N, C-alpha and C. Protein backbone atom coordinates (compact mmCIF):
# COMPACT_ATOMS: atom_id res chain seq x y z
N MET A 1 -15.78 -35.77 24.41
CA MET A 1 -14.63 -36.48 24.79
C MET A 1 -14.71 -37.91 24.24
N SER A 2 -13.86 -38.15 23.83
CA SER A 2 -13.60 -39.44 23.09
C SER A 2 -12.99 -40.56 23.69
N ASN A 3 -13.40 -41.74 23.71
CA ASN A 3 -13.11 -42.78 24.76
C ASN A 3 -12.32 -44.00 23.96
N GLY A 4 -11.93 -43.40 22.53
CA GLY A 4 -10.73 -44.35 21.70
C GLY A 4 -11.31 -44.78 21.25
N PHE A 5 -12.84 -45.48 20.79
CA PHE A 5 -13.34 -46.90 20.35
C PHE A 5 -14.66 -45.75 19.39
N LYS A 6 -14.44 -46.49 17.95
CA LYS A 6 -15.39 -45.90 17.38
C LYS A 6 -16.77 -46.30 17.44
N LYS A 7 -17.88 -45.78 17.67
CA LYS A 7 -19.34 -46.10 17.77
C LYS A 7 -19.94 -46.26 16.03
N TYR A 8 -20.59 -47.63 16.03
CA TYR A 8 -21.12 -48.30 15.29
C TYR A 8 -23.02 -48.61 15.21
N ASP A 9 -23.54 -47.99 13.93
CA ASP A 9 -24.87 -47.47 13.65
C ASP A 9 -24.95 -49.52 13.46
N ALA A 10 -25.96 -50.38 14.56
CA ALA A 10 -26.57 -51.55 14.91
C ALA A 10 -27.14 -52.07 13.75
N LYS A 11 -28.04 -50.98 13.57
CA LYS A 11 -29.40 -51.46 12.59
C LYS A 11 -28.72 -51.57 11.23
N ALA A 12 -27.63 -50.26 11.05
CA ALA A 12 -27.11 -50.17 9.62
C ALA A 12 -26.43 -51.45 9.41
N THR A 13 -25.21 -52.01 10.42
CA THR A 13 -24.53 -52.61 10.15
C THR A 13 -25.04 -54.39 9.94
N GLU A 14 -26.07 -54.28 10.66
CA GLU A 14 -26.92 -55.61 10.39
C GLU A 14 -27.40 -55.94 9.12
N GLN A 15 -28.13 -54.81 8.66
CA GLN A 15 -28.25 -55.01 7.27
C GLN A 15 -27.22 -55.12 6.45
N ASN A 16 -26.24 -54.49 6.36
CA ASN A 16 -25.00 -54.80 5.83
C ASN A 16 -24.54 -56.19 6.10
N VAL A 17 -24.57 -56.90 6.87
CA VAL A 17 -24.41 -58.22 7.24
C VAL A 17 -25.33 -59.18 6.64
N ASP A 18 -26.71 -58.88 6.60
CA ASP A 18 -27.55 -59.56 5.91
C ASP A 18 -27.44 -59.57 4.60
N ARG A 19 -26.95 -58.59 4.13
CA ARG A 19 -26.66 -58.33 2.08
C ARG A 19 -25.95 -59.43 1.90
N GLU A 20 -24.85 -59.25 2.81
CA GLU A 20 -23.34 -60.04 2.70
C GLU A 20 -24.08 -61.53 2.31
N LEU A 21 -24.17 -62.11 3.25
CA LEU A 21 -24.73 -63.20 4.06
C LEU A 21 -25.30 -64.03 2.90
N TRP A 22 -26.45 -63.17 2.42
CA TRP A 22 -27.38 -63.79 1.41
C TRP A 22 -26.87 -63.88 0.25
N ARG A 23 -25.88 -63.28 0.00
CA ARG A 23 -25.15 -62.84 -1.45
C ARG A 23 -24.27 -64.55 -1.60
N TYR A 24 -24.59 -65.50 -0.83
CA TYR A 24 -23.93 -66.73 -0.62
C TYR A 24 -24.72 -67.65 -1.54
N GLN A 25 -26.22 -67.70 -1.04
CA GLN A 25 -27.30 -68.07 -1.70
C GLN A 25 -27.15 -67.83 -3.53
N LYS A 26 -26.81 -66.82 -3.58
CA LYS A 26 -27.09 -65.63 -5.05
C LYS A 26 -25.36 -66.91 -5.48
N LEU A 27 -24.21 -66.75 -4.94
CA LEU A 27 -23.14 -67.39 -5.11
C LEU A 27 -23.51 -68.78 -6.01
N LYS A 28 -23.95 -69.20 -4.66
CA LYS A 28 -24.26 -71.18 -4.87
C LYS A 28 -24.98 -71.12 -6.36
N LYS A 29 -26.20 -70.39 -6.76
CA LYS A 29 -26.94 -70.47 -7.64
C LYS A 29 -25.82 -70.20 -8.61
N GLN A 30 -25.03 -69.40 -8.71
CA GLN A 30 -24.36 -69.09 -10.31
C GLN A 30 -23.19 -69.60 -10.26
N GLU A 31 -22.86 -70.47 -9.12
CA GLU A 31 -21.75 -71.88 -9.32
C GLU A 31 -22.27 -72.98 -9.98
N LYS A 32 -24.01 -72.71 -9.82
CA LYS A 32 -24.30 -74.63 -10.64
C LYS A 32 -24.85 -73.94 -11.68
N ARG A 33 -24.89 -72.83 -12.29
CA ARG A 33 -25.33 -72.09 -13.47
C ARG A 33 -23.88 -72.42 -14.52
N LEU A 34 -22.67 -71.90 -14.06
CA LEU A 34 -21.42 -71.97 -14.64
C LEU A 34 -21.13 -73.48 -14.79
N LYS A 35 -21.50 -74.61 -13.96
CA LYS A 35 -20.99 -75.84 -13.82
C LYS A 35 -22.27 -76.24 -14.91
N LEU A 36 -23.20 -76.15 -15.26
CA LEU A 36 -24.06 -76.15 -16.18
C LEU A 36 -23.54 -76.19 -17.64
N VAL A 37 -23.13 -74.75 -17.72
CA VAL A 37 -22.81 -74.32 -18.92
C VAL A 37 -21.59 -74.94 -19.64
N ALA A 38 -20.55 -75.33 -18.03
CA ALA A 38 -19.65 -75.84 -18.63
C ALA A 38 -19.74 -77.40 -19.60
N LEU A 39 -20.85 -77.62 -18.71
CA LEU A 39 -21.14 -79.35 -19.54
C LEU A 39 -21.60 -79.32 -20.79
N SER A 40 -22.32 -78.23 -21.42
CA SER A 40 -22.63 -78.59 -22.12
C SER A 40 -21.85 -78.32 -23.20
N GLY A 41 -21.76 -79.09 -24.50
CA GLY A 41 -20.97 -78.93 -25.79
C GLY A 41 -21.14 -77.99 -26.26
N GLN A 42 -20.05 -77.33 -26.94
CA GLN A 42 -19.68 -75.93 -27.60
C GLN A 42 -19.86 -76.74 -28.97
N ALA A 43 -20.96 -75.45 -29.63
CA ALA A 43 -21.60 -75.52 -30.73
C ALA A 43 -20.56 -74.94 -31.60
N TYR A 44 -20.17 -75.50 -33.40
CA TYR A 44 -19.76 -75.37 -34.18
C TYR A 44 -20.17 -75.70 -35.58
N ASP A 45 -19.87 -74.35 -36.45
CA ASP A 45 -20.87 -73.79 -37.38
C ASP A 45 -20.30 -74.29 -38.64
N GLY A 46 -18.72 -74.74 -38.73
CA GLY A 46 -18.31 -74.48 -39.59
C GLY A 46 -16.80 -74.51 -39.51
N MET A 47 -16.48 -73.44 -40.74
CA MET A 47 -15.00 -72.83 -40.38
C MET A 47 -15.00 -71.34 -40.12
N PRO A 48 -14.15 -70.99 -39.26
CA PRO A 48 -14.24 -70.07 -38.65
C PRO A 48 -14.11 -68.94 -39.17
N HIS A 49 -14.74 -67.45 -39.48
CA HIS A 49 -15.01 -66.73 -39.92
C HIS A 49 -14.05 -65.19 -39.55
N SER A 50 -13.15 -65.70 -38.37
CA SER A 50 -12.68 -64.24 -37.68
C SER A 50 -11.22 -64.27 -38.58
N LYS A 51 -10.79 -62.99 -38.74
CA LYS A 51 -9.40 -62.52 -39.55
C LYS A 51 -8.47 -62.35 -38.50
N THR A 52 -8.70 -62.43 -36.88
CA THR A 52 -7.62 -62.41 -36.00
C THR A 52 -7.65 -64.09 -36.02
N ASN A 53 -6.31 -64.04 -34.96
CA ASN A 53 -6.06 -65.88 -34.48
C ASN A 53 -6.60 -65.84 -33.05
N VAL A 54 -7.70 -65.11 -32.63
CA VAL A 54 -8.31 -64.73 -31.39
C VAL A 54 -9.36 -66.17 -31.42
N ASN A 55 -9.20 -67.46 -30.58
CA ASN A 55 -10.39 -68.13 -30.67
C ASN A 55 -11.26 -67.89 -29.70
N GLY A 56 -12.45 -67.36 -30.25
CA GLY A 56 -13.77 -67.29 -29.33
C GLY A 56 -14.23 -68.10 -28.46
N THR A 57 -14.15 -68.79 -28.93
CA THR A 57 -14.73 -70.51 -27.63
C THR A 57 -13.87 -70.86 -27.02
N GLU A 58 -12.22 -70.64 -27.28
CA GLU A 58 -11.55 -71.05 -26.38
C GLU A 58 -11.48 -69.56 -25.37
N GLU A 59 -11.65 -68.44 -26.04
CA GLU A 59 -11.68 -67.08 -24.75
C GLU A 59 -12.87 -67.43 -23.65
N ALA A 60 -13.99 -67.92 -24.04
CA ALA A 60 -15.22 -68.12 -23.48
C ALA A 60 -14.89 -69.34 -22.73
N VAL A 61 -14.50 -70.23 -22.66
CA VAL A 61 -14.12 -71.11 -21.50
C VAL A 61 -13.20 -70.30 -20.59
N HIS A 62 -12.26 -69.69 -21.17
CA HIS A 62 -11.18 -69.67 -20.20
C HIS A 62 -11.93 -68.87 -18.91
N LYS A 63 -12.83 -67.52 -19.43
CA LYS A 63 -13.79 -66.32 -18.63
C LYS A 63 -14.51 -67.34 -17.88
N ARG A 64 -15.20 -68.09 -18.53
CA ARG A 64 -16.21 -69.02 -17.58
C ARG A 64 -15.38 -69.70 -16.37
N LEU A 65 -13.90 -70.10 -16.71
CA LEU A 65 -13.34 -71.11 -15.93
C LEU A 65 -13.13 -69.79 -14.73
N GLU A 66 -12.11 -68.70 -15.04
CA GLU A 66 -12.26 -67.69 -13.88
C GLU A 66 -13.19 -67.07 -12.97
N ASP A 67 -14.83 -67.18 -13.91
CA ASP A 67 -16.12 -67.05 -13.20
C ASP A 67 -15.74 -67.98 -12.09
N GLN A 68 -15.97 -69.01 -12.04
CA GLN A 68 -16.33 -70.18 -11.56
C GLN A 68 -15.24 -70.45 -10.20
N GLU A 69 -13.99 -69.80 -10.40
CA GLU A 69 -13.19 -69.48 -9.67
C GLU A 69 -13.02 -68.71 -8.70
N TRP A 70 -13.56 -67.37 -9.06
CA TRP A 70 -13.97 -66.43 -8.36
C TRP A 70 -15.38 -66.46 -7.49
N VAL A 71 -16.28 -67.38 -8.19
CA VAL A 71 -17.04 -67.76 -6.74
C VAL A 71 -16.95 -68.59 -6.28
N LYS A 72 -16.30 -69.48 -6.62
CA LYS A 72 -15.79 -70.88 -5.25
C LYS A 72 -15.15 -69.80 -4.20
N LYS A 73 -14.04 -69.08 -4.28
CA LYS A 73 -13.38 -68.12 -3.47
C LYS A 73 -14.29 -67.62 -2.75
N GLU A 74 -15.31 -66.51 -3.20
CA GLU A 74 -16.16 -66.30 -2.47
C GLU A 74 -16.88 -66.75 -1.22
N MET A 75 -17.37 -67.84 -2.03
CA MET A 75 -18.20 -69.02 -1.33
C MET A 75 -17.39 -69.14 -0.19
N ILE A 76 -16.01 -69.58 -0.35
CA ILE A 76 -15.10 -70.16 1.04
C ILE A 76 -15.07 -68.99 1.60
N LEU A 77 -14.91 -68.10 1.49
CA LEU A 77 -14.66 -66.48 2.56
C LEU A 77 -15.75 -66.65 3.71
N LEU A 78 -17.03 -66.89 3.18
CA LEU A 78 -18.28 -66.53 3.69
C LEU A 78 -18.26 -67.77 4.55
N GLU A 79 -18.34 -69.10 3.89
CA GLU A 79 -18.26 -70.10 4.63
C GLU A 79 -17.20 -70.11 6.16
N THR A 80 -16.00 -69.83 5.67
CA THR A 80 -14.94 -69.84 6.90
C THR A 80 -14.99 -68.55 7.80
N ALA A 81 -15.80 -67.09 7.19
CA ALA A 81 -16.30 -66.23 8.18
C ALA A 81 -17.04 -66.82 9.06
N VAL A 82 -17.81 -67.87 8.41
CA VAL A 82 -19.43 -67.88 9.55
C VAL A 82 -18.57 -69.21 10.65
N SER A 83 -18.09 -70.07 10.27
CA SER A 83 -17.10 -70.65 11.13
C SER A 83 -16.37 -70.57 12.02
N TYR A 84 -15.76 -69.38 11.56
CA TYR A 84 -14.74 -68.80 12.64
C TYR A 84 -15.50 -67.69 13.61
N VAL A 85 -17.00 -67.78 13.50
CA VAL A 85 -17.33 -67.10 14.76
C VAL A 85 -17.94 -67.47 15.64
N GLY A 86 -18.03 -68.78 15.86
CA GLY A 86 -18.22 -69.91 17.00
C GLY A 86 -16.17 -70.48 17.32
N ASP A 87 -15.71 -69.61 17.13
CA ASP A 87 -14.52 -70.27 18.02
C ASP A 87 -14.60 -69.71 19.59
N GLU A 88 -14.88 -69.08 20.34
CA GLU A 88 -14.71 -67.92 21.22
C GLU A 88 -15.39 -69.26 22.33
N SER A 89 -16.61 -69.33 22.42
CA SER A 89 -17.51 -69.74 23.39
C SER A 89 -18.82 -70.67 22.89
N GLU A 90 -20.09 -70.98 23.79
CA GLU A 90 -20.35 -71.91 23.55
C GLU A 90 -21.75 -70.86 22.66
N SER A 91 -21.62 -69.93 23.06
CA SER A 91 -22.56 -68.70 22.56
C SER A 91 -22.39 -68.29 21.35
N ALA A 92 -20.60 -68.45 21.05
CA ALA A 92 -20.41 -68.06 19.93
C ALA A 92 -19.93 -68.88 18.78
N GLU A 93 -20.28 -70.69 19.71
CA GLU A 93 -21.03 -71.47 18.73
C GLU A 93 -22.32 -71.63 18.11
N GLN A 94 -22.98 -70.98 18.81
CA GLN A 94 -24.37 -70.97 18.65
C GLN A 94 -24.98 -70.30 17.66
N ALA A 95 -23.89 -68.71 17.80
CA ALA A 95 -24.02 -67.79 16.82
C ALA A 95 -23.53 -68.42 15.22
N SER A 96 -22.31 -69.16 15.38
CA SER A 96 -22.10 -69.47 14.27
C SER A 96 -23.52 -70.52 13.44
N ALA A 97 -23.85 -71.41 14.32
CA ALA A 97 -24.59 -72.34 13.82
C ALA A 97 -25.83 -71.48 13.47
N ILE A 98 -26.53 -70.40 14.25
CA ILE A 98 -27.26 -70.09 13.21
C ILE A 98 -26.98 -69.01 12.11
N LEU A 99 -25.94 -68.83 12.24
CA LEU A 99 -25.47 -67.89 11.06
C LEU A 99 -25.53 -69.22 9.73
N LYS A 100 -24.74 -70.07 10.14
CA LYS A 100 -24.87 -71.35 8.90
C LYS A 100 -26.29 -71.48 8.77
N TRP A 101 -27.47 -71.93 9.40
CA TRP A 101 -28.61 -72.57 9.10
C TRP A 101 -29.10 -71.60 7.85
N ARG A 102 -29.09 -70.36 8.35
CA ARG A 102 -29.92 -69.21 8.40
C ARG A 102 -29.47 -68.94 6.37
N TYR A 103 -28.23 -68.82 6.52
CA TYR A 103 -27.67 -68.10 5.68
C TYR A 103 -26.58 -69.08 4.67
N ILE A 104 -26.17 -69.99 4.94
CA ILE A 104 -25.27 -70.76 4.14
C ILE A 104 -26.30 -71.84 3.78
N ASP A 105 -26.91 -72.36 4.79
CA ASP A 105 -28.00 -73.64 4.49
C ASP A 105 -29.43 -73.06 3.70
N GLY A 106 -29.53 -72.08 4.24
CA GLY A 106 -30.79 -70.98 3.75
C GLY A 106 -32.18 -71.52 4.03
N TYR A 107 -32.04 -72.03 5.03
CA TYR A 107 -33.27 -72.52 6.21
C TYR A 107 -34.06 -71.24 6.32
N SER A 108 -35.55 -71.33 6.59
CA SER A 108 -36.53 -70.66 6.99
C SER A 108 -35.89 -70.21 8.78
N LEU A 109 -36.54 -69.10 8.93
CA LEU A 109 -36.69 -68.80 10.23
C LEU A 109 -37.22 -69.85 11.87
N THR A 110 -38.12 -70.51 10.70
CA THR A 110 -39.15 -71.79 11.47
C THR A 110 -38.13 -72.83 11.67
N LYS A 111 -37.39 -72.85 10.60
CA LYS A 111 -36.39 -74.53 10.62
C LYS A 111 -35.13 -73.97 11.59
N CYS A 112 -34.51 -72.95 11.21
CA CYS A 112 -33.38 -72.36 12.16
C CYS A 112 -33.93 -72.92 13.97
N CYS A 113 -35.19 -72.26 13.95
CA CYS A 113 -35.54 -72.41 15.60
C CYS A 113 -35.48 -74.15 16.36
N LEU A 114 -35.99 -74.85 15.05
CA LEU A 114 -36.35 -75.97 15.54
C LEU A 114 -34.68 -76.88 15.32
N LYS A 115 -33.85 -76.40 14.79
CA LYS A 115 -32.66 -76.55 14.51
C LYS A 115 -31.91 -76.29 16.12
N PHE A 116 -32.14 -75.21 15.88
CA PHE A 116 -31.50 -74.54 17.52
C PHE A 116 -32.05 -75.55 18.73
N GLY A 117 -33.20 -76.18 18.76
CA GLY A 117 -33.62 -76.59 19.54
C GLY A 117 -32.95 -78.09 19.73
N GLN A 118 -32.53 -78.51 18.77
CA GLN A 118 -32.24 -80.17 18.38
C GLN A 118 -30.89 -80.04 18.98
N ALA A 119 -29.90 -78.95 18.56
CA ALA A 119 -28.83 -78.79 18.84
C ALA A 119 -28.39 -78.16 20.03
N PHE A 120 -29.33 -77.49 20.43
CA PHE A 120 -28.81 -76.88 21.94
C PHE A 120 -29.99 -76.54 22.98
N ALA A 121 -30.81 -77.38 22.81
CA ALA A 121 -31.92 -77.14 23.93
C ALA A 121 -32.55 -78.19 24.18
N ASP A 122 -31.98 -79.71 24.31
CA ASP A 122 -32.90 -80.63 24.65
C ASP A 122 -34.02 -80.97 23.65
N GLY A 123 -33.94 -80.59 22.62
CA GLY A 123 -35.15 -81.26 21.43
C GLY A 123 -36.38 -80.23 21.41
N TYR A 124 -36.16 -78.58 22.56
CA TYR A 124 -37.32 -77.82 22.12
C TYR A 124 -37.04 -76.58 21.68
N PRO A 125 -37.76 -76.19 20.54
CA PRO A 125 -37.66 -75.25 19.71
C PRO A 125 -37.26 -73.93 20.58
N LEU A 126 -36.52 -73.01 19.98
CA LEU A 126 -36.56 -71.70 20.42
C LEU A 126 -37.81 -70.92 19.84
N ALA A 127 -38.10 -70.05 20.34
CA ALA A 127 -38.80 -68.60 20.05
C ALA A 127 -38.21 -68.07 18.94
N ARG A 128 -39.67 -67.51 18.02
CA ARG A 128 -39.09 -66.99 17.08
C ARG A 128 -38.31 -65.36 17.42
N THR A 129 -39.04 -65.20 18.28
CA THR A 129 -38.45 -63.96 18.83
C THR A 129 -37.24 -63.81 19.80
N THR A 130 -36.80 -64.91 20.26
CA THR A 130 -35.49 -65.51 20.86
C THR A 130 -34.29 -65.69 19.72
N MET A 131 -34.93 -66.26 18.84
CA MET A 131 -33.94 -66.54 17.76
C MET A 131 -33.88 -65.14 16.90
N ASN A 132 -34.89 -64.36 16.47
CA ASN A 132 -34.36 -63.31 15.94
C ASN A 132 -33.49 -62.25 16.41
N ASP A 133 -33.43 -62.20 18.39
CA ASP A 133 -32.37 -61.34 19.25
C ASP A 133 -31.14 -62.52 19.31
N LYS A 134 -31.02 -63.75 18.87
CA LYS A 134 -29.57 -64.51 18.54
C LYS A 134 -28.95 -64.02 17.60
N LEU A 135 -29.97 -63.82 16.44
CA LEU A 135 -29.63 -63.66 14.82
C LEU A 135 -28.76 -62.47 15.06
N LYS A 136 -29.59 -61.40 15.67
CA LYS A 136 -29.28 -59.74 15.34
C LYS A 136 -27.54 -59.65 16.30
N ALA A 137 -27.57 -60.27 17.22
CA ALA A 137 -25.78 -60.55 17.83
C ALA A 137 -25.15 -61.46 17.02
N ALA A 138 -25.74 -62.51 16.46
CA ALA A 138 -24.92 -63.33 15.33
C ALA A 138 -24.37 -62.46 14.37
N ARG A 139 -25.46 -61.70 13.96
CA ARG A 139 -24.73 -60.76 12.67
C ARG A 139 -24.16 -59.62 13.37
N LEU A 140 -23.67 -58.93 14.13
CA LEU A 140 -22.90 -58.23 14.99
C LEU A 140 -21.91 -58.59 15.21
N ARG A 141 -21.32 -60.24 15.55
CA ARG A 141 -20.61 -60.84 15.90
C ARG A 141 -19.87 -61.01 14.73
N PHE A 142 -20.58 -61.27 13.59
CA PHE A 142 -19.82 -61.81 12.16
C PHE A 142 -19.06 -60.36 11.65
N SER A 143 -20.04 -59.48 11.93
CA SER A 143 -19.69 -58.13 11.25
C SER A 143 -17.90 -57.91 11.67
N GLU A 144 -17.61 -58.26 13.10
CA GLU A 144 -16.44 -57.85 13.85
C GLU A 144 -15.27 -58.11 13.07
N ILE A 145 -15.70 -59.70 12.60
CA ILE A 145 -14.30 -60.60 12.19
C ILE A 145 -14.15 -61.02 10.61
N TYR A 146 -15.27 -60.48 9.82
CA TYR A 146 -15.33 -60.27 8.39
C TYR A 146 -14.18 -59.17 8.60
N PRO A 147 -13.57 -60.17 6.83
CA PRO A 147 -12.17 -58.91 6.12
C PRO A 147 -12.91 -57.72 5.79
N ARG A 148 -13.76 -57.73 5.02
CA ARG A 148 -14.23 -56.62 4.28
C ARG A 148 -15.29 -55.78 5.60
N GLU A 149 -15.27 -54.45 5.55
CA GLU A 149 -15.89 -53.64 6.28
C GLU A 149 -17.03 -53.60 6.39
N LEU A 150 -18.29 -54.00 7.14
CA LEU A 150 -19.92 -54.17 7.31
C LEU A 150 -20.13 -53.31 7.91
N ARG A 151 -19.43 -52.64 9.38
CA ARG A 151 -19.75 -51.41 10.11
C ARG A 151 -20.08 -50.67 9.35
N VAL A 152 -21.03 -49.92 9.92
CA VAL A 152 -21.40 -48.62 9.92
C VAL A 152 -21.21 -47.43 11.08
N GLU A 153 -20.18 -46.45 10.92
CA GLU A 153 -20.15 -45.86 12.25
C GLU A 153 -21.66 -44.97 12.53
N ALA A 154 -21.42 -44.74 13.43
CA ALA A 154 -22.93 -43.85 13.67
C ALA A 154 -22.29 -42.55 14.07
């Protein structure tokens, strides 16, 4: 007998969310690399040798700008989704903060425990096991609001 709700595999869903959120750090590196390439000067070696009217240097610049725009859009999507996790209640706000510290800021689990204590527990750091439990719950909450389907049906 079906109750109308789909059942999801929490562990597989968490893995998908973890992979998607760690992508932010890769995007950040890619953005920096694209910006540095844009700052480097173009090398010209004299007269063009191409028989066509296509300007290769201009094409490369255009492609790089498109790549920069795509990377920025993806980063904003992840940042916004993480911030929207915290819109409902205090526990949701805590979940959003944990996701931000762990994935957007790239902090270690230990530093996340310390930051949680400073922000929500009167300066007392959170135990790692409790942080892991809160991180699991935050990942599942993220999967519910993220526009791309990360949940895995059981």
